[in-house]
Amino acid sequence: MRKIARTIDFLNENTGYYSSFLILPLLFVVTYEVIMRYGFNAPTTWGFEATTFLYGVHFVLGLGYTHKHNGHVAIDVFEAKLWHRPRTLLRIVANLIIFIPTMGLMAIWSVIYAGTSWSQWEVASTSWAPPLYPFKTLMAIGFVLLFLQGVAKLIDDFNSLKSSD
């Protein structure tokens, strides 16, 4: 089980690292759009959508990475006052009751959402009309990676309980 957790950690670490470079084309597109819009009074038809897509992909592909590094917002007022074993048990219960079912459903439905988009060869309803199915697929991948990271954390918590006995 530890090998599965380490593989998921490795996958999310690399996905987060490489998706962080999406900030560079995002920076280029935003800069270009601002210069065209305010410098030449000639806004692009694609700039706003391109920034939305780039930032969206950057965001969802970083979900698992952020969860791996405990970067998501958490209310740990109760957890911080607990000893190691009760804190680990609380995390396991919260993960099993809240995180795994919720993110499991998000992963499943985002895959279905992406599949529907592919079956219809969906494009945006704008004048630029870029294809939406690749972006919806990347969104689904992001939710699957977040779900898998929750599984990896659950495995780590169970292993932590075993080692503290």
N, C-alpha and C. Protein backbone atom coordinates (compact mmCIF):
# COMPACT_ATOMS: atom_id res chain seq x y z
N MET A 1 0.82 -1.20 0.00
CA MET A 1 0.00 0.00 0.00
C MET A 1 0.87 1.27 0.00
N ARG A 2 1.99 1.18 0.70
CA ARG A 2 2.88 2.35 0.73
C ARG A 2 3.37 2.70 -0.69
N LYS A 3 3.60 1.66 -1.49
CA LYS A 3 4.06 1.88 -2.87
C LYS A 3 3.00 2.62 -3.67
N ILE A 4 1.74 2.28 -3.47
CA ILE A 4 0.64 2.98 -4.16
C ILE A 4 0.62 4.44 -3.74
N ALA A 5 0.74 4.68 -2.43
CA ALA A 5 0.72 6.05 -1.93
C ALA A 5 1.91 6.84 -2.48
N ARG A 6 3.09 6.23 -2.52
CA ARG A 6 4.28 6.92 -3.04
C ARG A 6 4.13 7.21 -4.54
N THR A 7 3.51 6.28 -5.27
CA THR A 7 3.29 6.49 -6.70
C THR A 7 2.34 7.67 -6.93
N ILE A 8 1.28 7.73 -6.14
CA ILE A 8 0.33 8.85 -6.24
C ILE A 8 1.02 10.16 -5.87
N ASP A 9 1.82 10.14 -4.80
CA ASP A 9 2.57 11.34 -4.40
C ASP A 9 3.49 11.80 -5.52
N PHE A 10 4.20 10.86 -6.13
CA PHE A 10 5.11 11.16 -7.23
C PHE A 10 4.35 11.78 -8.41
N LEU A 11 3.22 11.17 -8.74
CA LEU A 11 2.40 11.65 -9.86
C LEU A 11 1.93 13.08 -9.60
N ASN A 12 1.41 13.34 -8.41
CA ASN A 12 0.92 14.68 -8.10
C ASN A 12 2.05 15.69 -7.96
N GLU A 13 3.17 15.27 -7.44
CA GLU A 13 4.32 16.17 -7.33
C GLU A 13 4.76 16.64 -8.71
N ASN A 14 4.88 15.69 -9.64
CA ASN A 14 5.31 16.04 -10.99
C ASN A 14 4.25 16.82 -11.76
N THR A 15 3.00 16.42 -11.62
CA THR A 15 1.93 17.15 -12.31
C THR A 15 1.88 18.58 -11.81
N GLY A 16 1.97 18.77 -10.50
CA GLY A 16 1.97 20.12 -9.94
C GLY A 16 3.16 20.93 -10.41
N TYR A 17 4.32 20.30 -10.44
CA TYR A 17 5.53 21.01 -10.87
C TYR A 17 5.41 21.45 -12.33
N TYR A 18 5.07 20.53 -13.20
CA TYR A 18 5.03 20.87 -14.62
C TYR A 18 3.86 21.78 -14.98
N SER A 19 2.74 21.62 -14.29
CA SER A 19 1.61 22.51 -14.59
C SER A 19 1.88 23.92 -14.08
N SER A 20 2.81 24.07 -13.16
CA SER A 20 3.14 25.42 -12.69
C SER A 20 3.72 26.28 -13.81
N PHE A 21 4.30 25.64 -14.82
CA PHE A 21 4.86 26.38 -15.94
C PHE A 21 3.79 26.97 -16.86
N LEU A 22 2.53 26.59 -16.65
CA LEU A 22 1.45 27.19 -17.43
C LEU A 22 1.29 28.67 -17.11
N ILE A 23 1.90 29.11 -16.03
CA ILE A 23 1.83 30.52 -15.68
C ILE A 23 2.57 31.37 -16.73
N LEU A 24 3.54 30.78 -17.41
CA LEU A 24 4.30 31.54 -18.41
C LEU A 24 3.47 31.90 -19.64
N PRO A 25 2.80 30.93 -20.30
CA PRO A 25 1.94 31.35 -21.40
C PRO A 25 0.77 32.22 -20.93
N LEU A 26 0.30 31.97 -19.70
CA LEU A 26 -0.77 32.80 -19.16
C LEU A 26 -0.29 34.25 -19.03
N LEU A 27 0.89 34.44 -18.53
CA LEU A 27 1.48 35.77 -18.40
C LEU A 27 1.63 36.43 -19.77
N PHE A 28 2.07 35.66 -20.75
CA PHE A 28 2.23 36.18 -22.11
C PHE A 28 0.88 36.63 -22.68
N VAL A 29 -0.15 35.79 -22.56
CA VAL A 29 -1.47 36.11 -23.13
C VAL A 29 -2.07 37.34 -22.46
N VAL A 30 -1.97 37.41 -21.14
CA VAL A 30 -2.52 38.56 -20.42
C VAL A 30 -1.78 39.84 -20.82
N THR A 31 -0.47 39.76 -20.88
CA THR A 31 0.32 40.94 -21.28
C THR A 31 -0.03 41.37 -22.70
N TYR A 32 -0.10 40.41 -23.59
CA TYR A 32 -0.45 40.72 -24.98
C TYR A 32 -1.83 41.37 -25.07
N GLU A 33 -2.79 40.79 -24.35
CA GLU A 33 -4.16 41.33 -24.38
C GLU A 33 -4.21 42.75 -23.83
N VAL A 34 -3.52 43.00 -22.74
CA VAL A 34 -3.51 44.35 -22.15
C VAL A 34 -2.87 45.35 -23.10
N ILE A 35 -1.75 44.97 -23.71
CA ILE A 35 -1.09 45.88 -24.66
C ILE A 35 -1.99 46.15 -25.86
N MET A 36 -2.62 45.11 -26.40
CA MET A 36 -3.50 45.30 -27.56
C MET A 36 -4.73 46.12 -27.20
N ARG A 37 -5.31 45.84 -26.05
CA ARG A 37 -6.54 46.52 -25.65
C ARG A 37 -6.30 47.99 -25.31
N TYR A 38 -5.32 48.24 -24.47
CA TYR A 38 -5.13 49.60 -23.97
C TYR A 38 -4.06 50.38 -24.73
N GLY A 39 -3.11 49.70 -25.35
CA GLY A 39 -2.08 50.40 -26.11
C GLY A 39 -2.51 50.71 -27.53
N PHE A 40 -3.25 49.80 -28.15
CA PHE A 40 -3.63 49.96 -29.56
C PHE A 40 -5.13 50.01 -29.78
N ASN A 41 -5.90 49.95 -28.70
CA ASN A 41 -7.36 49.95 -28.78
C ASN A 41 -7.87 48.87 -29.75
N ALA A 42 -7.23 47.70 -29.68
CA ALA A 42 -7.58 46.59 -30.57
C ALA A 42 -7.60 45.28 -29.77
N PRO A 43 -8.61 45.10 -28.93
CA PRO A 43 -8.64 43.87 -28.12
C PRO A 43 -8.79 42.63 -29.00
N THR A 44 -8.26 41.53 -28.50
CA THR A 44 -8.36 40.27 -29.25
C THR A 44 -9.70 39.60 -28.97
N THR A 45 -10.10 38.72 -29.88
CA THR A 45 -11.33 37.96 -29.67
C THR A 45 -11.08 36.72 -28.81
N TRP A 46 -9.82 36.35 -28.66
CA TRP A 46 -9.47 35.11 -28.00
C TRP A 46 -8.79 35.29 -26.65
N GLY A 47 -8.33 36.48 -26.32
CA GLY A 47 -7.51 36.71 -25.13
C GLY A 47 -8.16 36.31 -23.82
N PHE A 48 -9.39 36.75 -23.62
CA PHE A 48 -10.06 36.47 -22.35
C PHE A 48 -10.29 34.97 -22.18
N GLU A 49 -10.76 34.32 -23.23
CA GLU A 49 -11.00 32.86 -23.14
C GLU A 49 -9.70 32.09 -22.94
N ALA A 50 -8.66 32.50 -23.63
CA ALA A 50 -7.38 31.82 -23.49
C ALA A 50 -6.86 31.93 -22.05
N THR A 51 -7.01 33.10 -21.44
CA THR A 51 -6.57 33.25 -20.05
C THR A 51 -7.42 32.39 -19.12
N THR A 52 -8.71 32.32 -19.39
CA THR A 52 -9.60 31.49 -18.57
C THR A 52 -9.20 30.02 -18.68
N PHE A 53 -8.95 29.54 -19.88
CA PHE A 53 -8.56 28.15 -20.08
C PHE A 53 -7.21 27.85 -19.43
N LEU A 54 -6.23 28.71 -19.68
CA LEU A 54 -4.90 28.48 -19.12
C LEU A 54 -4.93 28.49 -17.59
N TYR A 55 -5.62 29.47 -17.02
CA TYR A 55 -5.68 29.52 -15.56
C TYR A 55 -6.48 28.34 -15.01
N GLY A 56 -7.56 27.97 -15.67
CA GLY A 56 -8.36 26.83 -15.22
C GLY A 56 -7.55 25.54 -15.20
N VAL A 57 -6.79 25.29 -16.24
CA VAL A 57 -5.95 24.09 -16.30
C VAL A 57 -4.86 24.17 -15.24
N HIS A 58 -4.24 25.34 -15.11
CA HIS A 58 -3.22 25.55 -14.08
C HIS A 58 -3.79 25.26 -12.69
N PHE A 59 -5.00 25.70 -12.46
CA PHE A 59 -5.66 25.52 -11.16
C PHE A 59 -5.98 24.05 -10.88
N VAL A 60 -6.69 23.40 -11.80
CA VAL A 60 -7.15 22.03 -11.52
C VAL A 60 -6.01 21.01 -11.51
N LEU A 61 -4.99 21.22 -12.30
CA LEU A 61 -3.87 20.28 -12.27
C LEU A 61 -3.01 20.46 -11.01
N GLY A 62 -3.20 21.55 -10.32
CA GLY A 62 -2.48 21.77 -9.06
C GLY A 62 -3.25 21.34 -7.83
N LEU A 63 -4.48 20.84 -7.99
CA LEU A 63 -5.29 20.46 -6.83
C LEU A 63 -4.65 19.34 -6.02
N GLY A 64 -4.24 18.27 -6.68
CA GLY A 64 -3.62 17.14 -5.98
C GLY A 64 -2.30 17.53 -5.34
N TYR A 65 -1.51 18.32 -6.04
CA TYR A 65 -0.23 18.82 -5.51
C TYR A 65 -0.46 19.62 -4.24
N THR A 66 -1.44 20.50 -4.28
CA THR A 66 -1.74 21.34 -3.12
C THR A 66 -2.22 20.50 -1.95
N HIS A 67 -3.03 19.50 -2.23
CA HIS A 67 -3.51 18.62 -1.15
C HIS A 67 -2.34 17.82 -0.57
N LYS A 68 -1.43 17.39 -1.41
CA LYS A 68 -0.25 16.64 -0.95
C LYS A 68 0.55 17.48 0.04
N HIS A 69 0.64 18.77 -0.21
CA HIS A 69 1.43 19.67 0.62
C HIS A 69 0.59 20.41 1.67
N ASN A 70 -0.62 19.91 1.93
CA ASN A 70 -1.54 20.50 2.93
C ASN A 70 -1.77 21.99 2.69
N GLY A 71 -1.94 22.36 1.44
CA GLY A 71 -2.11 23.76 1.09
C GLY A 71 -3.54 24.23 0.97
N HIS A 72 -4.50 23.32 1.07
CA HIS A 72 -5.89 23.72 0.99
C HIS A 72 -6.36 24.28 2.32
N VAL A 73 -7.36 25.11 2.28
CA VAL A 73 -7.90 25.71 3.49
C VAL A 73 -8.45 24.60 4.38
N ALA A 74 -8.10 24.66 5.66
CA ALA A 74 -8.57 23.65 6.61
C ALA A 74 -8.85 24.33 7.94
N ILE A 75 -9.83 23.82 8.63
CA ILE A 75 -10.13 24.31 9.97
C ILE A 75 -9.56 23.28 10.93
N ASP A 76 -8.40 23.58 11.44
CA ASP A 76 -7.73 22.61 12.31
C ASP A 76 -7.73 23.03 13.77
N VAL A 77 -8.73 23.79 14.18
CA VAL A 77 -8.82 24.25 15.56
C VAL A 77 -8.91 23.05 16.50
N PHE A 78 -9.73 22.06 16.14
CA PHE A 78 -9.90 20.89 16.98
C PHE A 78 -8.70 19.95 16.84
N GLU A 79 -8.27 19.78 15.62
CA GLU A 79 -7.20 18.83 15.34
C GLU A 79 -5.89 19.25 16.00
N ALA A 80 -5.61 20.54 16.04
CA ALA A 80 -4.34 21.03 16.59
C ALA A 80 -4.18 20.71 18.07
N LYS A 81 -5.29 20.57 18.80
CA LYS A 81 -5.23 20.32 20.24
C LYS A 81 -5.14 18.83 20.58
N LEU A 82 -5.25 17.98 19.57
CA LEU A 82 -5.25 16.54 19.81
C LEU A 82 -3.83 15.97 19.76
N TRP A 83 -3.65 14.84 20.46
CA TRP A 83 -2.42 14.09 20.37
C TRP A 83 -2.37 13.40 19.01
N HIS A 84 -1.23 12.81 18.69
CA HIS A 84 -1.01 12.22 17.37
C HIS A 84 -2.07 11.18 16.99
N ARG A 85 -2.31 10.20 17.85
CA ARG A 85 -3.24 9.12 17.51
C ARG A 85 -4.67 9.62 17.29
N PRO A 86 -5.27 10.40 18.22
CA PRO A 86 -6.63 10.89 17.96
C PRO A 86 -6.70 11.82 16.74
N ARG A 87 -5.64 12.59 16.50
CA ARG A 87 -5.62 13.47 15.33
C ARG A 87 -5.63 12.64 14.05
N THR A 88 -4.85 11.58 14.02
CA THR A 88 -4.81 10.69 12.86
C THR A 88 -6.15 10.00 12.67
N LEU A 89 -6.76 9.55 13.75
CA LEU A 89 -8.09 8.93 13.66
C LEU A 89 -9.13 9.92 13.12
N LEU A 90 -9.08 11.16 13.58
CA LEU A 90 -10.01 12.19 13.09
C LEU A 90 -9.81 12.42 11.59
N ARG A 91 -8.55 12.47 11.16
CA ARG A 91 -8.28 12.65 9.72
C ARG A 91 -8.79 11.47 8.91
N ILE A 92 -8.62 10.26 9.43
CA ILE A 92 -9.11 9.07 8.72
C ILE A 92 -10.63 9.11 8.60
N VAL A 93 -11.32 9.42 9.69
CA VAL A 93 -12.78 9.47 9.67
C VAL A 93 -13.26 10.57 8.72
N ALA A 94 -12.66 11.76 8.80
CA ALA A 94 -13.06 12.86 7.91
C ALA A 94 -12.79 12.50 6.45
N ASN A 95 -11.67 11.85 6.21
CA ASN A 95 -11.33 11.45 4.85
C ASN A 95 -12.33 10.43 4.32
N LEU A 96 -12.67 9.44 5.14
CA LEU A 96 -13.61 8.39 4.70
C LEU A 96 -15.04 8.89 4.56
N ILE A 97 -15.46 9.80 5.43
CA ILE A 97 -16.86 10.24 5.43
C ILE A 97 -17.09 11.44 4.50
N ILE A 98 -16.11 12.33 4.41
CA ILE A 98 -16.32 13.56 3.64
C ILE A 98 -15.52 13.58 2.34
N PHE A 99 -14.19 13.49 2.47
CA PHE A 99 -13.33 13.73 1.32
C PHE A 99 -13.48 12.67 0.22
N ILE A 100 -13.30 11.41 0.57
CA ILE A 100 -13.33 10.34 -0.44
C ILE A 100 -14.66 10.29 -1.19
N PRO A 101 -15.81 10.30 -0.49
CA PRO A 101 -17.07 10.29 -1.25
C PRO A 101 -17.26 11.54 -2.12
N THR A 102 -16.95 12.70 -1.57
CA THR A 102 -17.16 13.95 -2.32
C THR A 102 -16.25 14.02 -3.53
N MET A 103 -14.96 13.81 -3.32
CA MET A 103 -14.02 13.89 -4.44
C MET A 103 -14.18 12.71 -5.40
N GLY A 104 -14.62 11.58 -4.88
CA GLY A 104 -14.91 10.45 -5.76
C GLY A 104 -16.02 10.80 -6.74
N LEU A 105 -17.09 11.41 -6.22
CA LEU A 105 -18.19 11.82 -7.08
C LEU A 105 -17.76 12.93 -8.04
N MET A 106 -16.96 13.88 -7.54
CA MET A 106 -16.46 14.95 -8.43
C MET A 106 -15.62 14.35 -9.55
N ALA A 107 -14.78 13.37 -9.23
CA ALA A 107 -13.95 12.73 -10.25
C ALA A 107 -14.81 11.98 -11.26
N ILE A 108 -15.74 11.20 -10.76
CA ILE A 108 -16.62 10.42 -11.66
C ILE A 108 -17.41 11.34 -12.58
N TRP A 109 -18.05 12.36 -12.01
CA TRP A 109 -18.90 13.23 -12.82
C TRP A 109 -18.10 14.13 -13.75
N SER A 110 -16.88 14.49 -13.36
CA SER A 110 -16.08 15.30 -14.28
C SER A 110 -15.59 14.45 -15.46
N VAL A 111 -15.36 13.16 -15.23
CA VAL A 111 -15.00 12.26 -16.33
C VAL A 111 -16.20 12.10 -17.27
N ILE A 112 -17.39 11.94 -16.70
CA ILE A 112 -18.60 11.85 -17.52
C ILE A 112 -18.81 13.15 -18.31
N TYR A 113 -18.60 14.28 -17.63
CA TYR A 113 -18.73 15.61 -18.25
C TYR A 113 -17.76 15.74 -19.43
N ALA A 114 -16.52 15.30 -19.24
CA ALA A 114 -15.53 15.35 -20.32
C ALA A 114 -15.91 14.39 -21.45
N GLY A 115 -16.39 13.21 -21.09
CA GLY A 115 -16.79 12.25 -22.11
C GLY A 115 -17.93 12.76 -22.97
N THR A 116 -18.89 13.41 -22.33
CA THR A 116 -20.01 14.01 -23.07
C THR A 116 -19.50 15.10 -24.01
N SER A 117 -18.55 15.90 -23.53
CA SER A 117 -17.98 16.95 -24.36
C SER A 117 -17.26 16.37 -25.58
N TRP A 118 -16.52 15.28 -25.38
CA TRP A 118 -15.84 14.61 -26.50
C TRP A 118 -16.85 14.03 -27.48
N SER A 119 -17.93 13.44 -26.97
CA SER A 119 -18.90 12.81 -27.87
C SER A 119 -19.61 13.83 -28.75
N GLN A 120 -19.67 15.07 -28.28
CA GLN A 120 -20.34 16.13 -29.05
C GLN A 120 -19.35 17.05 -29.77
N TRP A 121 -18.06 16.78 -29.61
CA TRP A 121 -17.02 17.66 -30.13
C TRP A 121 -17.34 19.10 -29.77
N GLU A 122 -17.60 19.32 -28.50
CA GLU A 122 -18.08 20.60 -27.99
C GLU A 122 -17.07 21.73 -28.22
N VAL A 123 -17.59 22.85 -28.68
CA VAL A 123 -16.80 24.07 -28.82
C VAL A 123 -17.49 25.20 -28.06
N ALA A 124 -16.74 26.23 -27.73
CA ALA A 124 -17.30 27.38 -27.01
C ALA A 124 -18.24 28.13 -27.94
N SER A 125 -19.23 28.75 -27.34
CA SER A 125 -20.23 29.48 -28.14
C SER A 125 -19.82 30.94 -28.33
N THR A 126 -18.56 31.15 -28.68
CA THR A 126 -18.06 32.50 -28.93
C THR A 126 -17.59 32.58 -30.38
N SER A 127 -17.20 33.77 -30.79
CA SER A 127 -16.73 33.93 -32.17
C SER A 127 -15.43 33.17 -32.41
N TRP A 128 -14.63 33.01 -31.39
CA TRP A 128 -13.38 32.26 -31.52
C TRP A 128 -13.67 30.76 -31.60
N ALA A 129 -14.64 30.28 -30.83
CA ALA A 129 -15.12 28.89 -30.81
C ALA A 129 -14.03 27.84 -30.64
N PRO A 130 -13.23 27.95 -29.58
CA PRO A 130 -12.22 26.91 -29.36
C PRO A 130 -12.88 25.63 -28.88
N PRO A 131 -12.24 24.49 -29.12
CA PRO A 131 -12.79 23.23 -28.61
C PRO A 131 -12.72 23.21 -27.08
N LEU A 132 -13.77 22.72 -26.44
CA LEU A 132 -13.82 22.67 -24.98
C LEU A 132 -13.43 21.30 -24.42
N TYR A 133 -13.53 20.25 -25.22
CA TYR A 133 -13.30 18.89 -24.71
C TYR A 133 -11.89 18.67 -24.16
N PRO A 134 -10.83 19.27 -24.72
CA PRO A 134 -9.52 19.05 -24.08
C PRO A 134 -9.45 19.66 -22.68
N PHE A 135 -10.07 20.81 -22.52
CA PHE A 135 -10.04 21.48 -21.23
C PHE A 135 -10.89 20.75 -20.19
N LYS A 136 -12.00 20.22 -20.64
CA LYS A 136 -12.84 19.45 -19.72
C LYS A 136 -12.15 18.13 -19.35
N THR A 137 -11.38 17.59 -20.25
CA THR A 137 -10.60 16.39 -19.95
C THR A 137 -9.54 16.69 -18.91
N LEU A 138 -8.85 17.80 -19.06
CA LEU A 138 -7.84 18.20 -18.08
C LEU A 138 -8.47 18.49 -16.72
N MET A 139 -9.68 19.04 -16.73
CA MET A 139 -10.40 19.26 -15.48
C MET A 139 -10.68 17.93 -14.79
N ALA A 140 -11.12 16.96 -15.56
CA ALA A 140 -11.39 15.62 -15.00
C ALA A 140 -10.11 15.00 -14.44
N ILE A 141 -9.02 15.15 -15.16
CA ILE A 141 -7.74 14.63 -14.67
C ILE A 141 -7.37 15.28 -13.34
N GLY A 142 -7.59 16.58 -13.23
CA GLY A 142 -7.29 17.28 -11.99
C GLY A 142 -8.10 16.74 -10.82
N PHE A 143 -9.39 16.48 -11.03
CA PHE A 143 -10.21 15.94 -9.95
C PHE A 143 -9.83 14.49 -9.61
N VAL A 144 -9.47 13.72 -10.62
CA VAL A 144 -9.02 12.35 -10.36
C VAL A 144 -7.73 12.37 -9.54
N LEU A 145 -6.81 13.27 -9.89
CA LEU A 145 -5.56 13.38 -9.14
C LEU A 145 -5.81 13.82 -7.70
N LEU A 146 -6.76 14.72 -7.49
CA LEU A 146 -7.10 15.15 -6.13
C LEU A 146 -7.68 13.98 -5.34
N PHE A 147 -8.57 13.23 -5.96
CA PHE A 147 -9.14 12.05 -5.30
C PHE A 147 -8.04 11.05 -4.94
N LEU A 148 -7.16 10.79 -5.89
CA LEU A 148 -6.06 9.85 -5.63
C LEU A 148 -5.16 10.33 -4.50
N GLN A 149 -4.94 11.64 -4.43
CA GLN A 149 -4.11 12.16 -3.34
C GLN A 149 -4.79 11.95 -2.00
N GLY A 150 -6.11 12.05 -1.97
CA GLY A 150 -6.85 11.74 -0.75
C GLY A 150 -6.67 10.28 -0.35
N VAL A 151 -6.65 9.40 -1.33
CA VAL A 151 -6.40 7.98 -1.07
C VAL A 151 -4.99 7.79 -0.51
N ALA A 152 -4.01 8.48 -1.10
CA ALA A 152 -2.63 8.39 -0.62
C ALA A 152 -2.52 8.88 0.82
N LYS A 153 -3.19 9.97 1.13
CA LYS A 153 -3.17 10.49 2.51
C LYS A 153 -3.84 9.50 3.47
N LEU A 154 -4.90 8.87 3.02
CA LEU A 154 -5.58 7.87 3.85
C LEU A 154 -4.64 6.69 4.13
N ILE A 155 -3.95 6.23 3.11
CA ILE A 155 -2.98 5.15 3.28
C ILE A 155 -1.89 5.58 4.27
N ASP A 156 -1.39 6.80 4.11
CA ASP A 156 -0.35 7.31 5.02
C ASP A 156 -0.86 7.38 6.46
N ASP A 157 -2.11 7.81 6.62
CA ASP A 157 -2.67 7.90 7.97
C ASP A 157 -2.83 6.52 8.60
N PHE A 158 -3.28 5.54 7.83
CA PHE A 158 -3.39 4.17 8.35
C PHE A 158 -2.00 3.63 8.72
N ASN A 159 -1.02 3.89 7.86
CA ASN A 159 0.35 3.45 8.16
C ASN A 159 0.89 4.15 9.40
N SER A 160 0.53 5.42 9.56
CA SER A 160 0.97 6.16 10.74
C SER A 160 0.38 5.57 12.01
N LEU A 161 -0.87 5.13 11.95
CA LEU A 161 -1.49 4.48 13.11
C LEU A 161 -0.79 3.17 13.44
N LYS A 162 -0.47 2.40 12.42
CA LYS A 162 0.20 1.11 12.63
C LYS A 162 1.58 1.31 13.27
N SER A 163 2.31 2.31 12.80
CA SER A 163 3.67 2.52 13.29
C SER A 163 3.69 3.11 14.71
N SER A 164 2.61 3.77 15.11
CA SER A 164 2.58 4.37 16.47
C SER A 164 2.14 3.36 17.52
N ASP A 165 1.70 2.17 17.10
CA ASP A 165 1.27 1.14 18.08
C ASP A 165 2.46 0.51 18.77
